Amino acid sequence: MYPEYLVEPMRKELTAVGFEELKTPEEVDVALATDGTVLVVVNSVCGCAAANARPAARVAIQNEKRPDKIVTVFAGMEKEAVDKARSYMLPYPPSSPAIALFKDGKLVHMIERHHIEGRPAQLIADNLVSAFDEFC
């Protein structure tokens, strides 16, 4: 686990724009058992989360069509909550950062680390917006 003072600013990048932070497996279950659409960002301390994933998520949620609920779990911090979120993302292997869109409890769109790393945030945001337009 990382020191809380280190990750707090990284958490706030998402919570400040409306993402709900899920810290327990039970919170993950409740969030993903919801009808409608849920965006899950697996946050991380890595550079590609800072430069690509978090900015992309912040831009994408400004789209006219957007998920009903936006949530985040933090890799390297709340292990059980992250493991539970990743269990819903199967068959995709664990990845952080990662961004997943669920509709009525089913995974409908997944962006893994290898789709985030080295790609501009706007390109990732455009990918998310396309998924929002299709599923939200």
C-alpha atoms as a PDB file:
ATOM      1  CA  MET A   1       0.000   0.000   0.000  1.00  0.00           C
ATOM      2  CA  TYR A   2       1.030   3.539  -0.662  1.00  0.00           C
ATOM      3  CA  PRO A   3       1.017   6.303   1.943  1.00  0.00           C
ATOM      4  CA  GLU A   4      -2.379   8.038   1.951  1.00  0.00           C
ATOM      5  CA  TYR A   5      -0.796  11.492   1.618  1.00  0.00           C
ATOM      6  CA  LEU A   6       0.703  10.339  -1.694  1.00  0.00           C
ATOM      7  CA  VAL A   7      -2.526   9.074  -3.252  1.00  0.00           C
ATOM      8  CA  GLU A   8      -4.942  11.678  -1.888  1.00  0.00           C
ATOM      9  CA  PRO A   9      -4.342  14.174  -4.735  1.00  0.00           C
ATOM     10  CA  MET A  10      -4.772  11.340  -7.257  1.00  0.00           C
ATOM     11  CA  ARG A  11      -8.058  10.337  -5.638  1.00  0.00           C
ATOM     12  CA  LYS A  12      -9.272  13.944  -5.713  1.00  0.00           C
ATOM     13  CA  GLU A  13      -8.673  14.249  -9.447  1.00  0.00           C
ATOM     14  CA  LEU A  14     -11.685  11.968  -9.883  1.00  0.00           C
ATOM     15  CA  THR A  15     -13.766  12.585  -6.771  1.00  0.00           C
ATOM     16  CA  ALA A  16     -13.671  16.355  -7.367  1.00  0.00           C
ATOM     17  CA  VAL A  17     -15.586  15.829 -10.636  1.00  0.00           C
ATOM     18  CA  GLY A  18     -18.175  13.492  -9.169  1.00  0.00           C
ATOM     19  CA  PHE A  19     -16.648  10.002  -9.068  1.00  0.00           C
ATOM     20  CA  GLU A  20     -17.705   8.001  -6.033  1.00  0.00           C
ATOM     21  CA  GLU A  21     -14.819   6.203  -4.406  1.00  0.00           C
ATOM     22  CA  LEU A  22     -15.499   2.560  -3.560  1.00  0.00           C
ATOM     23  CA  LYS A  23     -13.359   1.242  -0.727  1.00  0.00           C
ATOM     24  CA  THR A  24     -14.964  -2.094   0.144  1.00  0.00           C
ATOM     25  CA  PRO A  25     -16.060  -5.155  -1.827  1.00  0.00           C
ATOM     26  CA  GLU A  26     -19.603  -4.547  -0.599  1.00  0.00           C
ATOM     27  CA  GLU A  27     -19.605  -1.019  -2.056  1.00  0.00           C
ATOM     28  CA  VAL A  28     -18.434  -2.455  -5.386  1.00  0.00           C
ATOM     29  CA  ASP A  29     -21.213  -5.064  -5.358  1.00  0.00           C
ATOM     30  CA  VAL A  30     -23.859  -2.433  -4.648  1.00  0.00           C
ATOM     31  CA  ALA A  31     -22.555  -0.075  -7.347  1.00  0.00           C
ATOM     32  CA  LEU A  32     -22.388  -2.763 -10.025  1.00  0.00           C
ATOM     33  CA  ALA A  33     -25.714  -4.400  -9.141  1.00  0.00           C
ATOM     34  CA  THR A  34     -27.451  -1.217 -10.266  1.00  0.00           C
ATOM     35  CA  ASP A  35     -29.633  -1.074 -13.349  1.00  0.00           C
ATOM     36  CA  GLY A  36     -28.359   1.422 -15.877  1.00  0.00           C
ATOM     37  CA  THR A  37     -24.790   2.281 -16.717  1.00  0.00           C
ATOM     38  CA  VAL A  38     -21.768   2.459 -14.421  1.00  0.00           C
ATOM     39  CA  LEU A  39     -18.276   3.644 -15.341  1.00  0.00           C
ATOM     40  CA  VAL A  40     -15.503   2.169 -13.184  1.00  0.00           C
ATOM     41  CA  VAL A  41     -12.029   3.689 -13.213  1.00  0.00           C
ATOM     42  CA  VAL A  42      -9.302   1.555 -11.648  1.00  0.00           C
ATOM     43  CA  ASN A  43      -7.071   4.394 -10.509  1.00  0.00           C
ATOM     44  CA  SER A  44      -3.326   4.042 -10.014  1.00  0.00           C
ATOM     45  CA  VAL A  45      -0.207   5.965  -9.013  1.00  0.00           C
ATOM     46  CA  CYS A  46       1.505   5.283 -12.346  1.00  0.00           C
ATOM     47  CA  GLY A  47       2.322   7.945 -14.890  1.00  0.00           C
ATOM     48  CA  CYS A  48      -0.153   6.681 -17.467  1.00  0.00           C
ATOM     49  CA  ALA A  49      -2.970   7.085 -14.936  1.00  0.00           C
ATOM     50  CA  ALA A  50      -1.863  10.664 -14.290  1.00  0.00           C
ATOM     51  CA  ALA A  51      -1.246  11.682 -17.896  1.00  0.00           C
ATOM     52  CA  ASN A  52      -3.845   9.574 -19.695  1.00  0.00           C
ATOM     53  CA  ALA A  53      -6.512   7.696 -17.723  1.00  0.00           C
ATOM     54  CA  ARG A  54      -7.697  10.280 -15.193  1.00  0.00           C
ATOM     55  CA  PRO A  55      -7.714  13.164 -17.686  1.00  0.00           C
ATOM     56  CA  ALA A  56      -9.559  10.992 -20.237  1.00  0.00           C
ATOM     57  CA  ALA A  57     -12.218  10.024 -17.711  1.00  0.00           C
ATOM     58  CA  ARG A  58     -12.697  13.661 -16.654  1.00  0.00           C
ATOM     59  CA  VAL A  59     -13.122  14.767 -20.278  1.00  0.00           C
ATOM     60  CA  ALA A  60     -15.386  11.886 -21.287  1.00  0.00           C
ATOM     61  CA  ILE A  61     -17.932  12.431 -18.511  1.00  0.00           C
ATOM     62  CA  GLN A  62     -18.609  15.892 -19.933  1.00  0.00           C
ATOM     63  CA  ASN A  63     -20.300  14.204 -22.903  1.00  0.00           C
ATOM     64  CA  GLU A  64     -24.056  14.733 -23.269  1.00  0.00           C
ATOM     65  CA  LYS A  65     -24.612  10.986 -22.943  1.00  0.00           C
ATOM     66  CA  ARG A  66     -22.802   9.670 -19.920  1.00  0.00           C
ATOM     67  CA  PRO A  67     -23.092   6.815 -17.424  1.00  0.00           C
ATOM     68  CA  ASP A  68     -25.728   6.961 -14.721  1.00  0.00           C
ATOM     69  CA  LYS A  69     -23.058   6.355 -12.104  1.00  0.00           C
ATOM     70  CA  ILE A  70     -19.307   7.021 -12.106  1.00  0.00           C
ATOM     71  CA  VAL A  71     -17.110   5.243  -9.566  1.00  0.00           C
ATOM     72  CA  THR A  72     -13.474   4.530  -8.871  1.00  0.00           C
ATOM     73  CA  VAL A  73     -11.312   2.045  -6.979  1.00  0.00           C
ATOM     74  CA  PHE A  74      -7.635   2.614  -6.244  1.00  0.00           C
ATOM     75  CA  ALA A  75      -5.107  -0.107  -7.102  1.00  0.00           C
ATOM     76  CA  GLY A  76      -2.465  -0.503  -4.429  1.00  0.00           C
ATOM     77  CA  MET A  77      -4.743   0.804  -1.711  1.00  0.00           C
ATOM     78  CA  GLU A  78      -8.084  -0.915  -1.101  1.00  0.00           C
ATOM     79  CA  LYS A  79      -7.039  -4.359  -2.315  1.00  0.00           C
ATOM     80  CA  GLU A  80     -10.301  -6.170  -1.582  1.00  0.00           C
ATOM     81  CA  ALA A  81     -12.410  -3.532  -3.349  1.00  0.00           C
ATOM     82  CA  VAL A  82     -10.091  -3.562  -6.367  1.00  0.00           C
ATOM     83  CA  ASP A  83     -10.119  -7.368  -6.488  1.00  0.00           C
ATOM     84  CA  LYS A  84     -13.916  -7.357  -6.370  1.00  0.00           C
ATOM     85  CA  ALA A  85     -14.143  -4.762  -9.169  1.00  0.00           C
ATOM     86  CA  ARG A  86     -11.687  -6.782 -11.262  1.00  0.00           C
ATOM     87  CA  SER A  87     -13.799  -9.905 -10.751  1.00  0.00           C
ATOM     88  CA  TYR A  88     -16.591  -8.146 -12.632  1.00  0.00           C
ATOM     89  CA  MET A  89     -14.148  -7.330 -15.447  1.00  0.00           C
ATOM     90  CA  LEU A  90     -13.322 -10.948 -16.278  1.00  0.00           C
ATOM     91  CA  PRO A  91     -12.192 -12.349 -18.677  1.00  0.00           C
ATOM     92  CA  TYR A  92      -9.882  -9.329 -18.859  1.00  0.00           C
ATOM     93  CA  PRO A  93      -6.750  -9.768 -16.738  1.00  0.00           C
ATOM     94  CA  PRO A  94      -6.055  -7.395 -13.833  1.00  0.00           C
ATOM     95  CA  SER A  95      -4.863  -4.062 -15.136  1.00  0.00           C
ATOM     96  CA  SER A  96      -4.236  -0.657 -13.646  1.00  0.00           C
ATOM     97  CA  PRO A  97      -5.139   1.789 -14.689  1.00  0.00           C
ATOM     98  CA  ALA A  98      -8.212   0.453 -16.426  1.00  0.00           C
ATOM     99  CA  ILE A  99     -11.628   1.822 -17.336  1.00  0.00           C
ATOM    100  CA  ALA A 100     -14.739  -0.331 -17.610  1.00  0.00           C
ATOM    101  CA  LEU A 101     -18.308   0.453 -18.600  1.00  0.00           C
ATOM    102  CA  PHE A 102     -21.148  -1.713 -17.311  1.00  0.00           C
ATOM    103  CA  LYS A 103     -24.763  -1.742 -18.393  1.00  0.00           C
ATOM    104  CA  ASP A 104     -27.338  -3.460 -16.202  1.00  0.00           C
ATOM    105  CA  GLY A 105     -24.515  -5.238 -14.363  1.00  0.00           C
ATOM    106  CA  LYS A 106     -22.806  -6.565 -17.501  1.00  0.00           C
ATOM    107  CA  LEU A 107     -19.425  -5.439 -18.810  1.00  0.00           C
ATOM    108  CA  VAL A 108     -19.967  -3.781 -22.200  1.00  0.00           C
ATOM    109  CA  HIS A 109     -16.708  -1.870 -22.799  1.00  0.00           C
ATOM    110  CA  MET A 110     -13.192  -2.259 -21.422  1.00  0.00           C
ATOM    111  CA  ILE A 111     -10.064  -0.159 -21.733  1.00  0.00           C
ATOM    112  CA  GLU A 112      -7.005  -1.944 -20.383  1.00  0.00           C
ATOM    113  CA  ARG A 113      -3.645  -0.468 -19.436  1.00  0.00           C
ATOM    114  CA  HIS A 114      -2.149  -1.346 -22.829  1.00  0.00           C
ATOM    115  CA  HIS A 115      -4.893   0.796 -24.431  1.00  0.00           C
ATOM    116  CA  ILE A 116      -4.024   3.689 -22.080  1.00  0.00           C
ATOM    117  CA  GLU A 117      -0.246   3.652 -21.863  1.00  0.00           C
ATOM    118  CA  GLY A 118       1.372   5.884 -24.475  1.00  0.00           C
ATOM    119  CA  ARG A 119      -1.929   7.154 -25.910  1.00  0.00           C
ATOM    120  CA  PRO A 120      -3.132  10.734 -25.622  1.00  0.00           C
ATOM    121  CA  ALA A 121      -5.872  11.380 -23.080  1.00  0.00           C
ATOM    122  CA  GLN A 122      -8.135  12.821 -25.775  1.00  0.00           C
ATOM    123  CA  LEU A 123      -7.940   9.611 -27.810  1.00  0.00           C
ATOM    124  CA  ILE A 124      -8.965   7.595 -24.740  1.00  0.00           C
ATOM    125  CA  ALA A 125     -11.737  10.094 -23.976  1.00  0.00           C
ATOM    126  CA  ASP A 126     -13.007   9.772 -27.559  1.00  0.00           C
ATOM    127  CA  ASN A 127     -13.075   5.977 -27.126  1.00  0.00           C
ATOM    128  CA  LEU A 128     -15.121   6.379 -23.935  1.00  0.00           C
ATOM    129  CA  VAL A 129     -17.482   8.885 -25.538  1.00  0.00           C
ATOM    130  CA  SER A 130     -18.167   6.411 -28.349  1.00  0.00           C
ATOM    131  CA  ALA A 131     -19.022   3.788 -25.749  1.00  0.00           C
ATOM    132  CA  PHE A 132     -21.226   6.266 -23.860  1.00  0.00           C
ATOM    133  CA  ASP A 133     -23.057   7.171 -27.061  1.00  0.00           C
ATOM    134  CA  GLU A 134     -23.684   3.503 -27.754  1.00  0.00           C
ATOM    135  CA  PHE A 135     -24.602   2.219 -24.289  1.00  0.00           C
ATOM    136  CA  CYS A 136     -25.796   5.186 -22.188  1.00  0.00           C
END
